[in-house]
C-alpha atoms as a PDB file:
ATOM      1  CA  MET A   1     -19.098  95.313 212.254  1.00  0.00           C
ATOM      2  CA  GLY A   2     -22.752  94.535 213.349  1.00  0.00           C
ATOM      3  CA  LEU A   3     -25.407  97.111 214.531  1.00  0.00           C
ATOM      4  CA  ALA A   4     -26.546  97.548 217.920  1.00  0.00           C
ATOM      5  CA  ARG A   5     -30.103  95.905 218.608  1.00  0.00           C
ATOM      6  CA  LYS A   6     -31.374  98.908 219.631  1.00  0.00           C
ATOM      7  CA  SER A   7     -30.676 100.407 216.165  1.00  0.00           C
ATOM      8  CA  LEU A   8     -32.577  97.397 214.405  1.00  0.00           C
ATOM      9  CA  VAL A   9     -35.388  96.799 216.915  1.00  0.00           C
ATOM     10  CA  SER A  10     -38.223 100.005 217.440  1.00  0.00           C
ATOM     11  CA  VAL A  11     -41.749  98.716 218.117  1.00  0.00           C
ATOM     12  CA  ASP A  12     -42.612 102.235 216.740  1.00  0.00           C
ATOM     13  CA  ALA A  13     -41.330 101.250 213.275  1.00  0.00           C
ATOM     14  CA  THR A  14     -42.771  97.629 213.169  1.00  0.00           C
ATOM     15  CA  PRO A  15     -43.537  94.841 215.819  1.00  0.00           C
ATOM     16  CA  TYR A  16     -42.836  92.009 213.365  1.00  0.00           C
ATOM     17  CA  TYR A  17     -39.133  90.748 213.092  1.00  0.00           C
ATOM     18  CA  HIS A  18     -37.284  87.732 211.664  1.00  0.00           C
ATOM     19  CA  CYS A  19     -34.706  86.358 213.415  1.00  0.00           C
ATOM     20  CA  VAL A  20     -32.087  83.329 212.459  1.00  0.00           C
ATOM     21  CA  SER A  21     -29.583  81.765 214.615  1.00  0.00           C
ATOM     22  CA  ARG A  22     -26.808  79.428 213.216  1.00  0.00           C
ATOM     23  CA  CYS A  23     -24.670  76.499 214.704  1.00  0.00           C
ATOM     24  CA  VAL A  24     -21.043  77.152 215.056  1.00  0.00           C
ATOM     25  CA  ARG A  25     -20.779  73.202 214.613  1.00  0.00           C
ATOM     26  CA  ARG A  26     -22.714  73.205 211.936  1.00  0.00           C
ATOM     27  CA  ALA A  27     -23.256  69.828 211.007  1.00  0.00           C
ATOM     28  CA  PHE A  28     -24.075  68.846 214.687  1.00  0.00           C
ATOM     29  CA  LEU A  29     -27.049  70.653 215.665  1.00  0.00           C
ATOM     30  CA  CYS A  30     -29.662  68.504 214.094  1.00  0.00           C
ATOM     31  CA  GLY A  31     -28.179  66.459 211.347  1.00  0.00           C
ATOM     32  CA  ARG A  32     -26.141  63.154 211.116  1.00  0.00           C
ATOM     33  CA  ASP A  33     -22.564  62.871 211.974  1.00  0.00           C
ATOM     34  CA  ALA A  34     -21.079  61.232 208.972  1.00  0.00           C
ATOM     35  CA  ARG A  35     -18.031  60.204 210.865  1.00  0.00           C
ATOM     36  CA  THR A  36     -19.543  58.374 213.886  1.00  0.00           C
ATOM     37  CA  GLY A  37     -23.161  58.037 212.202  1.00  0.00           C
ATOM     38  CA  GLN A  38     -24.780  59.274 215.225  1.00  0.00           C
ATOM     39  CA  SER A  39     -28.131  61.211 214.498  1.00  0.00           C
ATOM     40  CA  PHE A  40     -28.840  64.720 216.115  1.00  0.00           C
ATOM     41  CA  GLU A  41     -32.329  64.874 214.648  1.00  0.00           C
ATOM     42  CA  HIS A  42     -33.882  64.927 217.724  1.00  0.00           C
ATOM     43  CA  ARG A  43     -32.484  68.294 218.507  1.00  0.00           C
ATOM     44  CA  ARG A  44     -35.022  69.752 216.253  1.00  0.00           C
ATOM     45  CA  GLN A  45     -37.834  69.245 218.208  1.00  0.00           C
ATOM     46  CA  TRP A  46     -35.646  70.399 221.573  1.00  0.00           C
ATOM     47  CA  VAL A  47     -35.671  73.338 219.550  1.00  0.00           C
ATOM     48  CA  GLU A  48     -39.155  73.835 218.393  1.00  0.00           C
ATOM     49  CA  ASP A  49     -40.638  72.790 221.565  1.00  0.00           C
ATOM     50  CA  LYS A  50     -38.599  75.386 223.472  1.00  0.00           C
ATOM     51  CA  LEU A  51     -39.560  78.274 220.945  1.00  0.00           C
ATOM     52  CA  LEU A  52     -43.052  77.827 221.755  1.00  0.00           C
ATOM     53  CA  SER A  53     -43.173  77.195 225.400  1.00  0.00           C
ATOM     54  CA  LEU A  54     -40.942  80.824 225.637  1.00  0.00           C
ATOM     55  CA  ALA A  55     -43.784  82.426 223.458  1.00  0.00           C
ATOM     56  CA  ARG A  56     -46.003  81.597 226.469  1.00  0.00           C
ATOM     57  CA  VAL A  57     -44.181  83.340 228.935  1.00  0.00           C
ATOM     58  CA  PHE A  58     -42.863  86.302 226.808  1.00  0.00           C
ATOM     59  CA  ALA A  59     -45.106  88.966 225.200  1.00  0.00           C
ATOM     60  CA  LEU A  60     -43.862  87.534 221.850  1.00  0.00           C
ATOM     61  CA  ASP A  61     -45.955  85.865 219.388  1.00  0.00           C
ATOM     62  CA  VAL A  62     -44.666  83.313 216.950  1.00  0.00           C
ATOM     63  CA  CYS A  63     -45.883  83.842 213.141  1.00  0.00           C
ATOM     64  CA  ALA A  64     -43.577  81.397 211.736  1.00  0.00           C
ATOM     65  CA  TYR A  65     -40.697  79.310 212.374  1.00  0.00           C
ATOM     66  CA  ALA A  66     -38.553  76.666 210.698  1.00  0.00           C
ATOM     67  CA  VAL A  67     -35.836  74.430 212.414  1.00  0.00           C
ATOM     68  CA  MET A  68     -33.373  72.991 209.906  1.00  0.00           C
ATOM     69  CA  SER A  69     -30.348  71.006 210.003  1.00  0.00           C
ATOM     70  CA  ASN A  70     -27.730  73.844 211.260  1.00  0.00           C
ATOM     71  CA  HIS A  71     -29.836  76.716 211.939  1.00  0.00           C
ATOM     72  CA  TYR A  72     -33.552  77.849 212.872  1.00  0.00           C
ATOM     73  CA  HIS A  73     -35.979  80.907 211.653  1.00  0.00           C
ATOM     74  CA  VAL A  74     -38.608  82.547 213.602  1.00  0.00           C
ATOM     75  CA  VAL A  75     -40.930  85.468 212.790  1.00  0.00           C
ATOM     76  CA  LEU A  76     -42.160  87.078 215.833  1.00  0.00           C
ATOM     77  CA  HIS A  77     -44.235  89.578 216.836  1.00  0.00           C
ATOM     78  CA  ILE A  78     -43.846  92.130 219.863  1.00  0.00           C
ATOM     79  CA  ASN A  79     -46.994  92.304 221.750  1.00  0.00           C
ATOM     80  CA  ARG A  80     -46.992  95.601 223.873  1.00  0.00           C
ATOM     81  CA  ALA A  81     -50.675  95.518 224.360  1.00  0.00           C
ATOM     82  CA  GLN A  82     -50.399  92.291 226.127  1.00  0.00           C
ATOM     83  CA  ALA A  83     -47.397  93.060 228.178  1.00  0.00           C
ATOM     84  CA  ALA A  84     -49.256  96.428 229.265  1.00  0.00           C
ATOM     85  CA  THR A  85     -52.083  94.711 230.803  1.00  0.00           C
ATOM     86  CA  TRP A  86     -49.902  92.301 233.270  1.00  0.00           C
ATOM     87  CA  GLU A  87     -50.164  93.144 236.876  1.00  0.00           C
ATOM     88  CA  LEU A  88     -47.240  92.801 238.915  1.00  0.00           C
ATOM     89  CA  ARG A  89     -47.725  89.255 240.118  1.00  0.00           C
ATOM     90  CA  GLU A  90     -48.173  88.286 236.684  1.00  0.00           C
ATOM     91  CA  VAL A  91     -44.771  89.985 235.784  1.00  0.00           C
ATOM     92  CA  VAL A  92     -43.264  87.990 238.846  1.00  0.00           C
ATOM     93  CA  GLU A  93     -44.646  84.774 238.116  1.00  0.00           C
ATOM     94  CA  ARG A  94     -43.870  84.944 233.968  1.00  0.00           C
ATOM     95  CA  TRP A  95     -40.004  86.016 234.941  1.00  0.00           C
ATOM     96  CA  HIS A  96     -39.896  83.256 237.757  1.00  0.00           C
ATOM     97  CA  GLN A  97     -40.402  80.723 234.778  1.00  0.00           C
ATOM     98  CA  LEU A  98     -37.165  82.018 233.522  1.00  0.00           C
ATOM     99  CA  CYS A  99     -35.141  82.828 236.616  1.00  0.00           C
ATOM    100  CA  LYS A 100     -35.088  82.669 240.313  1.00  0.00           C
ATOM    101  CA  GLY A 101     -35.894  86.455 240.436  1.00  0.00           C
ATOM    102  CA  SER A 102     -34.812  88.087 243.719  1.00  0.00           C
ATOM    103  CA  VAL A 103     -35.334  87.555 247.246  1.00  0.00           C
ATOM    104  CA  LEU A 104     -38.004  89.945 247.189  1.00  0.00           C
ATOM    105  CA  SER A 105     -39.857  88.351 244.321  1.00  0.00           C
ATOM    106  CA  GLN A 106     -39.681  84.869 245.954  1.00  0.00           C
ATOM    107  CA  ARG A 107     -41.300  86.370 249.296  1.00  0.00           C
ATOM    108  CA  TYR A 108     -43.879  88.117 247.370  1.00  0.00           C
ATOM    109  CA  ALA A 109     -44.521  85.046 245.288  1.00  0.00           C
ATOM    110  CA  ARG A 110     -45.148  83.095 248.677  1.00  0.00           C
ATOM    111  CA  ASN A 111     -47.716  85.723 249.599  1.00  0.00           C
ATOM    112  CA  GLU A 112     -45.309  86.919 252.504  1.00  0.00           C
ATOM    113  CA  PRO A 113     -45.979  90.464 253.739  1.00  0.00           C
ATOM    114  CA  LEU A 114     -43.568  93.366 252.079  1.00  0.00           C
ATOM    115  CA  GLY A 115     -43.320  96.794 253.392  1.00  0.00           C
ATOM    116  CA  SER A 116     -44.112  99.631 251.497  1.00  0.00           C
ATOM    117  CA  ALA A 117     -40.399 100.331 250.566  1.00  0.00           C
ATOM    118  CA  GLU A 118     -39.811  96.839 249.666  1.00  0.00           C
ATOM    119  CA  MET A 119     -43.047  96.710 247.523  1.00  0.00           C
ATOM    120  CA  THR A 120     -41.717 100.221 245.921  1.00  0.00           C
ATOM    121  CA  ARG A 121     -38.492  98.248 245.106  1.00  0.00           C
ATOM    122  CA  LEU A 122     -40.298  95.273 243.627  1.00  0.00           C
ATOM    123  CA  THR A 123     -42.257  97.152 241.305  1.00  0.00           C
ATOM    124  CA  GLU A 124     -39.178  99.085 240.050  1.00  0.00           C
ATOM    125  CA  VAL A 125     -37.269  95.566 239.578  1.00  0.00           C
ATOM    126  CA  ALA A 126     -40.496  93.955 237.765  1.00  0.00           C
ATOM    127  CA  ASP A 127     -40.850  97.201 235.244  1.00  0.00           C
ATOM    128  CA  VAL A 128     -37.306  95.899 234.180  1.00  0.00           C
ATOM    129  CA  TRP A 129     -38.612  92.070 233.678  1.00  0.00           C
ATOM    130  CA  ARG A 130     -41.364  93.568 231.765  1.00  0.00           C
ATOM    131  CA  ALA A 131     -39.247  95.301 229.576  1.00  0.00           C
ATOM    132  CA  ARG A 132     -37.389  92.238 228.798  1.00  0.00           C
ATOM    133  CA  LEU A 133     -40.321  90.089 228.505  1.00  0.00           C
ATOM    134  CA  LEU A 134     -40.888  92.500 225.329  1.00  0.00           C
ATOM    135  CA  ASP A 135     -37.321  92.140 224.339  1.00  0.00           C
ATOM    136  CA  ILE A 136     -36.382  89.887 221.499  1.00  0.00           C
ATOM    137  CA  SER A 137     -32.868  89.906 222.313  1.00  0.00           C
ATOM    138  CA  TRP A 138     -33.752  87.928 225.986  1.00  0.00           C
ATOM    139  CA  PHE A 139     -36.124  85.572 223.887  1.00  0.00           C
ATOM    140  CA  MET A 140     -33.513  84.466 221.634  1.00  0.00           C
ATOM    141  CA  ARG A 141     -30.866  84.564 224.671  1.00  0.00           C
ATOM    142  CA  MET A 142     -32.924  82.126 226.523  1.00  0.00           C
ATOM    143  CA  LEU A 143     -33.759  79.732 223.569  1.00  0.00           C
ATOM    144  CA  ASN A 144     -30.309  79.280 222.531  1.00  0.00           C
ATOM    145  CA  GLU A 145     -28.548  79.178 225.707  1.00  0.00           C
ATOM    146  CA  SER A 146     -30.938  76.299 226.871  1.00  0.00           C
ATOM    147  CA  ILE A 147     -30.573  74.380 223.741  1.00  0.00           C
ATOM    148  CA  ALA A 148     -26.536  75.146 223.988  1.00  0.00           C
ATOM    149  CA  ARG A 149     -26.440  73.563 227.421  1.00  0.00           C
ATOM    150  CA  GLU A 150     -28.577  70.474 226.455  1.00  0.00           C
ATOM    151  CA  ALA A 151     -26.366  69.868 223.376  1.00  0.00           C
ATOM    152  CA  ASN A 152     -23.204  70.235 225.203  1.00  0.00           C
ATOM    153  CA  ARG A 153     -24.466  67.948 228.025  1.00  0.00           C
ATOM    154  CA  GLU A 154     -25.274  65.381 225.125  1.00  0.00           C
ATOM    155  CA  ASP A 155     -22.140  65.959 223.543  1.00  0.00           C
ATOM    156  CA  GLN A 156     -19.802  65.907 226.731  1.00  0.00           C
ATOM    157  CA  CYS A 157     -18.031  68.919 225.671  1.00  0.00           C
ATOM    158  CA  THR A 158     -18.390  72.652 226.595  1.00  0.00           C
ATOM    159  CA  GLY A 159     -17.776  75.818 224.552  1.00  0.00           C
ATOM    160  CA  ARG A 160     -20.000  78.111 222.173  1.00  0.00           C
ATOM    161  CA  PHE A 161     -22.754  75.958 220.362  1.00  0.00           C
ATOM    162  CA  TRP A 162     -24.304  79.307 218.321  1.00  0.00           C
ATOM    163  CA  GLU A 163     -22.632  81.991 216.350  1.00  0.00           C
ATOM    164  CA  GLY A 164     -21.903  85.019 218.348  1.00  0.00           C
ATOM    165  CA  ARG A 165     -25.357  87.088 217.162  1.00  0.00           C
ATOM    166  CA  PHE A 166     -28.558  86.135 216.080  1.00  0.00           C
ATOM    167  CA  LYS A 167     -29.609  87.931 212.649  1.00  0.00           C
ATOM    168  CA  SER A 168     -32.467  90.113 212.979  1.00  0.00           C
ATOM    169  CA  GLN A 169     -34.514  91.815 210.264  1.00  0.00           C
ATOM    170  CA  ALA A 170     -37.272  94.362 210.723  1.00  0.00           C
ATOM    171  CA  LEU A 171     -40.605  93.287 208.567  1.00  0.00           C
ATOM    172  CA  LEU A 172     -42.055  97.038 207.900  1.00  0.00           C
ATOM    173  CA  ASP A 173     -45.288  96.154 205.702  1.00  0.00           C
ATOM    174  CA  GLU A 174     -47.720  93.267 204.968  1.00  0.00           C
ATOM    175  CA  ARG A 175     -45.600  92.807 201.996  1.00  0.00           C
ATOM    176  CA  ALA A 176     -42.483  92.064 203.644  1.00  0.00           C
ATOM    177  CA  LEU A 177     -44.537  90.110 206.347  1.00  0.00           C
ATOM    178  CA  ALA A 178     -45.964  87.464 203.853  1.00  0.00           C
ATOM    179  CA  ALA A 179     -42.914  87.302 201.964  1.00  0.00           C
ATOM    180  CA  CYS A 180     -40.586  86.594 204.991  1.00  0.00           C
ATOM    181  CA  MET A 181     -43.016  84.108 206.295  1.00  0.00           C
ATOM    182  CA  ALA A 182     -43.611  82.063 203.397  1.00  0.00           C
ATOM    183  CA  TYR A 183     -39.537  82.270 202.881  1.00  0.00           C
ATOM    184  CA  VAL A 184     -39.341  80.673 206.497  1.00  0.00           C
ATOM    185  CA  ASP A 185     -42.228  78.077 205.786  1.00  0.00           C
ATOM    186  CA  LEU A 186     -40.541  76.881 202.306  1.00  0.00           C
ATOM    187  CA  ASN A 187     -37.187  76.060 203.772  1.00  0.00           C
ATOM    188  CA  PRO A 188     -37.418  72.531 204.044  1.00  0.00           C
ATOM    189  CA  ILE A 189     -38.890  72.317 200.185  1.00  0.00           C
ATOM    190  CA  ARG A 190     -35.944  74.807 199.129  1.00  0.00           C
ATOM    191  CA  ALA A 191     -33.510  72.157 200.775  1.00  0.00           C
ATOM    192  CA  ARG A 192     -35.067  69.381 199.752  1.00  0.00           C
ATOM    193  CA  MET A 193     -35.673  68.290 202.916  1.00  0.00           C
ATOM    194  CA  ALA A 194     -39.501  67.786 202.207  1.00  0.00           C
ATOM    195  CA  ASP A 195     -41.655  67.521 199.161  1.00  0.00           C
ATOM    196  CA  THR A 196     -44.988  69.575 200.359  1.00  0.00           C
ATOM    197  CA  PRO A 197     -45.722  72.140 203.201  1.00  0.00           C
ATOM    198  CA  GLU A 198     -47.716  69.757 205.200  1.00  0.00           C
ATOM    199  CA  SER A 199     -45.013  67.386 205.256  1.00  0.00           C
ATOM    200  CA  SER A 200     -42.224  69.702 206.409  1.00  0.00           C
ATOM    201  CA  ASP A 201     -41.409  68.823 209.974  1.00  0.00           C
ATOM    202  CA  HIS A 202     -40.709  71.275 212.615  1.00  0.00           C
ATOM    203  CA  THR A 203     -42.277  74.230 210.805  1.00  0.00           C
ATOM    204  CA  SER A 204     -45.120  76.490 211.488  1.00  0.00           C
ATOM    205  CA  ILE A 205     -46.758  75.586 208.445  1.00  0.00           C
ATOM    206  CA  LYS A 206     -47.369  72.156 209.059  1.00  0.00           C
ATOM    207  CA  ARG A 207     -48.641  73.327 212.435  1.00  0.00           C
ATOM    208  CA  ARG A 208     -51.097  75.542 210.684  1.00  0.00           C
ATOM    209  CA  ILE A 209     -52.097  73.111 207.741  1.00  0.00           C
ATOM    210  CA  SER A 210     -52.688  70.207 210.172  1.00  0.00           C
ATOM    211  CA  THR A 211     -55.078  72.439 212.379  1.00  0.00           C
ATOM    212  CA  ALA A 212     -56.823  74.136 209.738  1.00  0.00           C
ATOM    213  CA  ARG A 213     -58.184  70.789 208.375  1.00  0.00           C
ATOM    214  CA  GLY A 214     -60.283  70.780 211.655  1.00  0.00           C
ATOM    215  CA  GLY A 215     -61.456  74.431 210.914  1.00  0.00           C
ATOM    216  CA  ARG A 216     -59.122  75.745 213.871  1.00  0.00           C
ATOM    217  CA  GLN A 217     -56.088  77.857 214.092  1.00  0.00           C
ATOM    218  CA  PRO A 218     -53.003  76.504 216.214  1.00  0.00           C
ATOM    219  CA  GLU A 219     -52.919  78.107 219.610  1.00  0.00           C
ATOM    220  CA  GLU A 220     -49.267  78.317 220.085  1.00  0.00           C
ATOM    221  CA  LEU A 221     -49.146  80.733 217.285  1.00  0.00           C
ATOM    222  CA  LEU A 222     -50.231  84.318 216.257  1.00  0.00           C
ATOM    223  CA  PRO A 223     -53.725  83.749 214.231  1.00  0.00           C
ATOM    224  CA  PHE A 224     -54.389  85.200 211.335  1.00  0.00           C
ATOM    225  CA  ALA A 225     -57.129  87.928 211.410  1.00  0.00           C
ATOM    226  CA  GLY A 226     -58.119  88.353 208.035  1.00  0.00           C
ATOM    227  CA  ASN A 227     -57.762  91.207 205.683  1.00  0.00           C
ATOM    228  CA  PRO A 228     -57.389  94.642 206.972  1.00  0.00           C
ATOM    229  CA  ARG A 229     -60.636  96.147 208.224  1.00  0.00           C
ATOM    230  CA  GLU A 230     -62.150  98.505 210.958  1.00  0.00           C
ATOM    231  CA  PRO A 231     -61.984  96.989 213.841  1.00  0.00           C
ATOM    232  CA  MET A 232     -59.307  94.885 213.094  1.00  0.00           C
ATOM    233  CA  PRO A 233     -58.821  91.700 215.389  1.00  0.00           C
ATOM    234  CA  GLU A 234     -55.609  90.646 216.964  1.00  0.00           C
ATOM    235  CA  GLY A 235     -53.663  88.836 214.366  1.00  0.00           C
ATOM    236  CA  MET A 236     -51.983  89.081 211.096  1.00  0.00           C
ATOM    237  CA  PRO A 237     -53.591  90.795 208.262  1.00  0.00           C
ATOM    238  CA  PHE A 238     -54.448  88.073 206.150  1.00  0.00           C
ATOM    239  CA  GLN A 239     -57.061  85.232 205.348  1.00  0.00           C
ATOM    240  CA  ILE A 240     -55.559  81.544 206.549  1.00  0.00           C
ATOM    241  CA  GLN A 241     -56.855  80.032 203.616  1.00  0.00           C
ATOM    242  CA  ASP A 242     -55.108  82.666 201.356  1.00  0.00           C
ATOM    243  CA  TYR A 243     -51.899  81.883 203.259  1.00  0.00           C
ATOM    244  CA  ILE A 244     -51.984  78.433 202.706  1.00  0.00           C
ATOM    245  CA  GLU A 245     -52.649  78.193 199.253  1.00  0.00           C
ATOM    246  CA  LEU A 246     -49.607  80.754 198.649  1.00  0.00           C
ATOM    247  CA  VAL A 247     -47.284  78.703 200.603  1.00  0.00           C
ATOM    248  CA  ASP A 248     -48.521  75.331 198.398  1.00  0.00           C
ATOM    249  CA  TRP A 249     -48.697  77.433 195.172  1.00  0.00           C
ATOM    250  CA  SER A 250     -45.056  78.982 196.038  1.00  0.00           C
ATOM    251  CA  GLY A 251     -43.721  75.294 197.164  1.00  0.00           C
ATOM    252  CA  ARG A 252     -44.820  73.471 194.098  1.00  0.00           C
ATOM    253  CA  ILE A 253     -42.658  75.789 191.857  1.00  0.00           C
ATOM    254  CA  LEU A 254     -39.768  75.637 194.166  1.00  0.00           C
ATOM    255  CA  ARG A 255     -40.189  71.812 194.466  1.00  0.00           C
ATOM    256  CA  LYS A 256     -37.096  69.741 192.984  1.00  0.00           C
ATOM    257  CA  GLY A 257     -37.711  68.732 189.168  1.00  0.00           C
ATOM    258  CA  LYS A 258     -39.779  71.757 188.500  1.00  0.00           C
ATOM    259  CA  ARG A 259     -38.961  74.390 186.043  1.00  0.00           C
ATOM    260  CA  GLY A 260     -39.704  77.482 187.915  1.00  0.00           C
ATOM    261  CA  ALA A 261     -42.620  78.126 185.124  1.00  0.00           C
ATOM    262  CA  ILE A 262     -45.165  80.445 186.625  1.00  0.00           C
ATOM    263  CA  ASP A 263     -48.758  78.960 187.146  1.00  0.00           C
ATOM    264  CA  SER A 264     -51.250  81.053 185.325  1.00  0.00           C
ATOM    265  CA  ARG A 265     -53.919  80.366 188.431  1.00  0.00           C
ATOM    266  CA  LEU A 266     -52.232  82.855 191.010  1.00  0.00           C
ATOM    267  CA  PRO A 267     -53.212  82.907 194.365  1.00  0.00           C
ATOM    268  CA  ALA A 268     -55.451  85.865 195.201  1.00  0.00           C
ATOM    269  CA  ILE A 269     -53.608  87.329 197.939  1.00  0.00           C
ATOM    270  CA  LEU A 270     -50.319  88.282 195.372  1.00  0.00           C
ATOM    271  CA  GLU A 271     -52.995  90.629 193.835  1.00  0.00           C
ATOM    272  CA  ARG A 272     -54.296  92.025 196.890  1.00  0.00           C
ATOM    273  CA  LEU A 273     -50.635  92.713 198.008  1.00  0.00           C
ATOM    274  CA  GLN A 274     -49.506  94.093 194.761  1.00  0.00           C
ATOM    275  CA  ILE A 275     -46.334  91.419 194.464  1.00  0.00           C
ATOM    276  CA  ASP A 276     -45.617  90.557 190.593  1.00  0.00           C
ATOM    277  CA  PRO A 277     -45.496  86.741 190.523  1.00  0.00           C
ATOM    278  CA  SER A 278     -41.823  86.560 189.129  1.00  0.00           C
ATOM    279  CA  HIS A 279     -40.774  88.929 192.022  1.00  0.00           C
ATOM    280  CA  TRP A 280     -42.506  86.897 194.766  1.00  0.00           C
ATOM    281  CA  LEU A 281     -40.446  83.512 193.456  1.00  0.00           C
ATOM    282  CA  TYR A 282     -37.258  85.828 193.582  1.00  0.00           C
ATOM    283  CA  LEU A 283     -38.318  86.739 197.264  1.00  0.00           C
ATOM    284  CA  ASN A 284     -39.089  83.041 198.097  1.00  0.00           C
ATOM    285  CA  ARG A 285     -35.465  82.310 196.786  1.00  0.00           C
ATOM    286  CA  ASN A 286     -33.482  85.154 198.270  1.00  0.00           C
ATOM    287  CA  PHE A 287     -35.176  86.595 200.858  1.00  0.00           C
ATOM    288  CA  GLU A 288     -32.701  86.117 203.321  1.00  0.00           C
ATOM    289  CA  SER A 289     -29.604  87.153 201.380  1.00  0.00           C
ATOM    290  CA  ARG A 290     -30.629  89.893 199.509  1.00  0.00           C
ATOM    291  CA  PHE A 291     -32.258  92.070 202.185  1.00  0.00           C
ATOM    292  CA  LYS A 292     -30.934  93.438 205.021  1.00  0.00           C
ATOM    293  CA  ALA A 293     -31.840  94.749 208.648  1.00  0.00           C
ATOM    294  CA  LEU A 294     -35.027  96.898 207.292  1.00  0.00           C
ATOM    295  CA  ILE A 295     -37.592  95.141 204.795  1.00  0.00           C
ATOM    296  CA  GLY A 296     -40.636  96.205 203.088  1.00  0.00           C
ATOM    297  CA  SER A 297     -41.358  98.751 200.663  1.00  0.00           C
ATOM    298  CA  ALA A 298     -38.838 101.784 199.881  1.00  0.00           C
ATOM    299  CA  HIS A 299     -41.156 104.049 201.550  1.00  0.00           C
ATOM    300  CA  SER A 300     -41.514 101.931 204.679  1.00  0.00           C
ATOM    301  CA  VAL A 301     -37.892 101.653 204.682  1.00  0.00           C
ATOM    302  CA  ARG A 302     -37.038 105.564 204.514  1.00  0.00           C
ATOM    303  CA  SER A 303     -39.699 106.163 207.023  1.00  0.00           C
ATOM    304  CA  ALA A 304     -38.097 103.536 209.238  1.00  0.00           C
ATOM    305  CA  CYS A 305     -34.587 105.045 208.891  1.00  0.00           C
ATOM    306  CA  GLU A 306     -36.020 108.506 209.982  1.00  0.00           C
ATOM    307  CA  GLN A 307     -37.456 106.949 213.135  1.00  0.00           C
ATOM    308  CA  LEU A 308     -34.348 105.162 213.826  1.00  0.00           C
ATOM    309  CA  GLY A 309     -31.872 107.716 213.044  1.00  0.00           C
ATOM    310  CA  LYS A 310     -30.271 106.409 210.240  1.00  0.00           C
ATOM    311  CA  ARG A 311     -29.113 107.877 206.959  1.00  0.00           C
ATOM    312  CA  TRP A 312     -29.234 104.937 204.719  1.00  0.00           C
ATOM    313  CA  ALA A 313     -30.520 101.374 204.838  1.00  0.00           C
ATOM    314  CA  GLN A 314     -28.528  98.947 202.589  1.00  0.00           C
ATOM    315  CA  GLY A 315     -30.777  96.840 200.310  1.00  0.00           C
ATOM    316  CA  VAL A 316     -33.481  99.860 199.894  1.00  0.00           C
ATOM    317  CA  ARG A 317     -32.649  99.356 196.032  1.00  0.00           C
ATOM    318  CA  ASP A 318     -34.064  95.618 196.421  1.00  0.00           C
ATOM    319  CA  CYS A 319     -36.749  96.808 198.286  1.00  0.00           C
ATOM    320  CA  GLU A 320     -37.945  99.046 195.711  1.00  0.00           C
ATOM    321  CA  ARG A 321     -37.801  96.822 192.963  1.00  0.00           C
ATOM    322  CA  TYR A 322     -39.374  93.827 194.772  1.00  0.00           C
ATOM    323  CA  LEU A 323     -41.522  94.807 197.684  1.00  0.00           C
ATOM    324  CA  SER A 324     -42.764  98.468 196.508  1.00  0.00           C
ATOM    325  CA  PRO A 325     -46.178  98.459 194.754  1.00  0.00           C
ATOM    326  CA  PRO A 326     -45.974  99.245 191.065  1.00  0.00           C
ATOM    327  CA  SER A 327     -46.516 103.254 190.389  1.00  0.00           C
ATOM    328  CA  ILE A 328     -49.575 104.282 188.971  1.00  0.00           C
ATOM    329  CA  PRO A 329     -49.236 105.872 185.527  1.00  0.00           C
END
């Protein structure tokens, strides 16, 4: 039996979450129908475009994503600080990009005068909308429903398109975040759909590499802010050059025809994160299958369990082995 989302998502524990949504009609999300020969590859662009457009509406930042043939991955960052700065009008305008809103919100958007009682009621409703614009479940709902409608319209059918619930994993520290992002970005290489990160269509790593060549970071994605320091700018706690080097190095070893030998020239980021190279390669291959709802060092997992009122976290032993820093003798 699945756990309630409120028992898995706690911004106090971490703002970073890895989500996966899979298609019920597995062969027909984006691949080619072997029976009819019809290609559905264009739907991968649907998912990518909708994912990035929704991120501009929600107070959620996209850290990484990969759109595969029968599922997609996305790593999201909950941006509470951004949502807290929104005035009433901005909340209403953002919500109207998703839904019609209410009679009061429509009148407000048209600059029609509202009485004090009406303004009080609108403010109460807008607070609910603000919370939804911070909610990963609402984000995934809006994304999946729109894609399902388009696909069903194209297939001239009705019924369920996605599996009932998306999978969610909380990323509790830097090691878990880096491992998960690389796992997501390397999905096409592991699936032998691409040979290099820069040729991996419909992935965040291709978008990042493309803009990095011009000395920039993509506006659609949460930027890399560099190694932790004070004051820390908004963004992920890595250097973009280090992360791209890490993904490229990992992809070379995971690529078809490679035996998996570990190169002696290891990316510096592995040393900073204190992750054993052999453990890193294990994470690249098994992140989704071996790790459950809470992912990070064993200490991070146990602390999150206390905050969430959980007595035990499945997979904590794997977190102890692969994501905990080595003990000092």
